[in-house]
Amino acid sequence: MTDSQPTAPLPVQPEATAATEPIPPARRPLRPSTIIWGLVVAVVGAGILARALGAEFDNDLALIVLLGAAGVALVGTSIASAVRRR
């Protein structure tokens, strides 16, 4: 016995060409401050994990060093960006 429902042919997709492909939006460059603050958060998370696993270190000193290094990196990247724009 045959099926009582008719079958329709599948639609044919045209091949993509340079003229029909959509143009992707321009990507903005990553901002150094976003990267630096992301690294700060990652280091704090690693410190919390290390403490949970039993590592011993001075929390206050580690935080002072981390924020100092992040501050120097933020100032350095802003100076480099200003020099590059000139």
C-alpha atoms as a PDB file:
ATOM      1  CA  MET A   1       0.000   0.000   0.000  1.00  0.00           C
ATOM      2  CA  THR A   2       1.178   3.517  -0.713  1.00  0.00           C
ATOM      3  CA  ASP A   3       1.055   6.642   1.424  1.00  0.00           C
ATOM      4  CA  SER A   4      -2.021   8.751   0.906  1.00  0.00           C
ATOM      5  CA  GLN A   5      -0.179  12.000   1.694  1.00  0.00           C
ATOM      6  CA  PRO A   6       1.499  13.743  -1.225  1.00  0.00           C
ATOM      7  CA  THR A   7       5.151  14.587  -0.833  1.00  0.00           C
ATOM      8  CA  ALA A   8       6.417  18.023  -1.762  1.00  0.00           C
ATOM      9  CA  PRO A   9       9.941  18.542  -3.040  1.00  0.00           C
ATOM     10  CA  LEU A  10      12.352  20.172  -0.620  1.00  0.00           C
ATOM     11  CA  PRO A  11      13.167  23.812  -1.360  1.00  0.00           C
ATOM     12  CA  VAL A  12      16.547  24.289  -2.984  1.00  0.00           C
ATOM     13  CA  GLN A  13      18.912  26.622  -1.130  1.00  0.00           C
ATOM     14  CA  PRO A  14      20.867  28.944  -3.416  1.00  0.00           C
ATOM     15  CA  GLU A  15      24.608  28.840  -3.033  1.00  0.00           C
ATOM     16  CA  ALA A  16      26.005  31.629  -0.898  1.00  0.00           C
ATOM     17  CA  THR A  17      28.057  34.149  -2.794  1.00  0.00           C
ATOM     18  CA  ALA A  18      29.930  37.244  -1.726  1.00  0.00           C
ATOM     19  CA  ALA A  19      26.991  39.365  -2.886  1.00  0.00           C
ATOM     20  CA  THR A  20      24.407  37.469  -0.807  1.00  0.00           C
ATOM     21  CA  GLU A  21      26.376  36.910   2.420  1.00  0.00           C
ATOM     22  CA  PRO A  22      25.518  39.333   5.192  1.00  0.00           C
ATOM     23  CA  ILE A  23      28.301  41.626   6.330  1.00  0.00           C
ATOM     24  CA  PRO A  24      29.255  40.860   9.937  1.00  0.00           C
ATOM     25  CA  PRO A  25      29.195  43.790  12.348  1.00  0.00           C
ATOM     26  CA  ALA A  26      32.539  45.424  13.050  1.00  0.00           C
ATOM     27  CA  ARG A  27      34.064  44.187  16.285  1.00  0.00           C
ATOM     28  CA  ARG A  28      35.244  46.765  18.724  1.00  0.00           C
ATOM     29  CA  PRO A  29      38.709  46.131  20.136  1.00  0.00           C
ATOM     30  CA  LEU A  30      38.944  44.796  23.665  1.00  0.00           C
ATOM     31  CA  ARG A  31      39.452  47.462  26.276  1.00  0.00           C
ATOM     32  CA  PRO A  32      42.535  46.901  28.457  1.00  0.00           C
ATOM     33  CA  SER A  33      40.625  47.893  31.592  1.00  0.00           C
ATOM     34  CA  THR A  34      38.119  45.093  31.014  1.00  0.00           C
ATOM     35  CA  ILE A  35      40.929  42.570  30.641  1.00  0.00           C
ATOM     36  CA  ILE A  36      42.739  43.829  33.752  1.00  0.00           C
ATOM     37  CA  TRP A  37      39.642  43.754  35.959  1.00  0.00           C
ATOM     38  CA  GLY A  38      38.813  40.298  34.626  1.00  0.00           C
ATOM     39  CA  LEU A  39      42.278  39.126  35.657  1.00  0.00           C
ATOM     40  CA  VAL A  40      41.797  40.685  39.119  1.00  0.00           C
ATOM     41  CA  VAL A  41      38.567  38.746  39.576  1.00  0.00           C
ATOM     42  CA  ALA A  42      40.247  35.548  38.344  1.00  0.00           C
ATOM     43  CA  VAL A  43      43.163  35.984  40.763  1.00  0.00           C
ATOM     44  CA  VAL A  44      40.817  36.625  43.688  1.00  0.00           C
ATOM     45  CA  GLY A  45      38.906  33.472  42.763  1.00  0.00           C
ATOM     46  CA  ALA A  46      42.145  31.501  42.550  1.00  0.00           C
ATOM     47  CA  GLY A  47      43.134  32.831  45.978  1.00  0.00           C
ATOM     48  CA  ILE A  48      39.825  31.753  47.477  1.00  0.00           C
ATOM     49  CA  LEU A  49      40.204  28.320  45.914  1.00  0.00           C
ATOM     50  CA  ALA A  50      43.799  28.039  47.178  1.00  0.00           C
ATOM     51  CA  ARG A  51      42.665  28.968  50.693  1.00  0.00           C
ATOM     52  CA  ALA A  52      39.926  26.348  50.538  1.00  0.00           C
ATOM     53  CA  LEU A  53      42.515  23.746  49.551  1.00  0.00           C
ATOM     54  CA  GLY A  54      44.694  24.642  52.547  1.00  0.00           C
ATOM     55  CA  ALA A  55      47.230  27.161  51.202  1.00  0.00           C
ATOM     56  CA  GLU A  56      48.555  29.657  53.736  1.00  0.00           C
ATOM     57  CA  PHE A  57      49.295  33.253  52.722  1.00  0.00           C
ATOM     58  CA  ASP A  58      48.694  36.751  54.069  1.00  0.00           C
ATOM     59  CA  ASN A  59      45.329  37.878  52.676  1.00  0.00           C
ATOM     60  CA  ASP A  60      45.907  41.580  53.341  1.00  0.00           C
ATOM     61  CA  LEU A  61      49.315  41.659  51.684  1.00  0.00           C
ATOM     62  CA  ALA A  62      48.075  39.628  48.702  1.00  0.00           C
ATOM     63  CA  LEU A  63      45.163  42.038  48.172  1.00  0.00           C
ATOM     64  CA  ILE A  64      47.421  45.098  48.466  1.00  0.00           C
ATOM     65  CA  VAL A  65      49.867  43.670  45.920  1.00  0.00           C
ATOM     66  CA  LEU A  66      47.047  42.633  43.560  1.00  0.00           C
ATOM     67  CA  LEU A  67      45.328  46.029  43.618  1.00  0.00           C
ATOM     68  CA  GLY A  68      48.654  47.852  43.320  1.00  0.00           C
ATOM     69  CA  ALA A  69      49.630  45.805  40.279  1.00  0.00           C
ATOM     70  CA  ALA A  70      46.181  46.348  38.733  1.00  0.00           C
ATOM     71  CA  GLY A  71      46.470  50.100  39.320  1.00  0.00           C
ATOM     72  CA  VAL A  72      49.892  50.251  37.679  1.00  0.00           C
ATOM     73  CA  ALA A  73      48.586  48.209  34.734  1.00  0.00           C
ATOM     74  CA  LEU A  74      45.531  50.466  34.314  1.00  0.00           C
ATOM     75  CA  VAL A  75      47.638  53.646  34.381  1.00  0.00           C
ATOM     76  CA  GLY A  76      50.196  52.089  32.021  1.00  0.00           C
ATOM     77  CA  THR A  77      47.588  51.042  29.476  1.00  0.00           C
ATOM     78  CA  SER A  78      45.902  54.449  29.564  1.00  0.00           C
ATOM     79  CA  ILE A  79      49.249  56.178  28.962  1.00  0.00           C
ATOM     80  CA  ALA A  80      50.049  53.774  26.113  1.00  0.00           C
ATOM     81  CA  SER A  81      46.634  54.412  24.581  1.00  0.00           C
ATOM     82  CA  ALA A  82      47.088  58.194  24.798  1.00  0.00           C
ATOM     83  CA  VAL A  83      50.542  57.995  23.179  1.00  0.00           C
ATOM     84  CA  ARG A  84      49.219  55.761  20.391  1.00  0.00           C
ATOM     85  CA  ARG A  85      46.401  58.210  19.553  1.00  0.00           C
ATOM     86  CA  ARG A  86      48.784  61.118  18.967  1.00  0.00           C
END
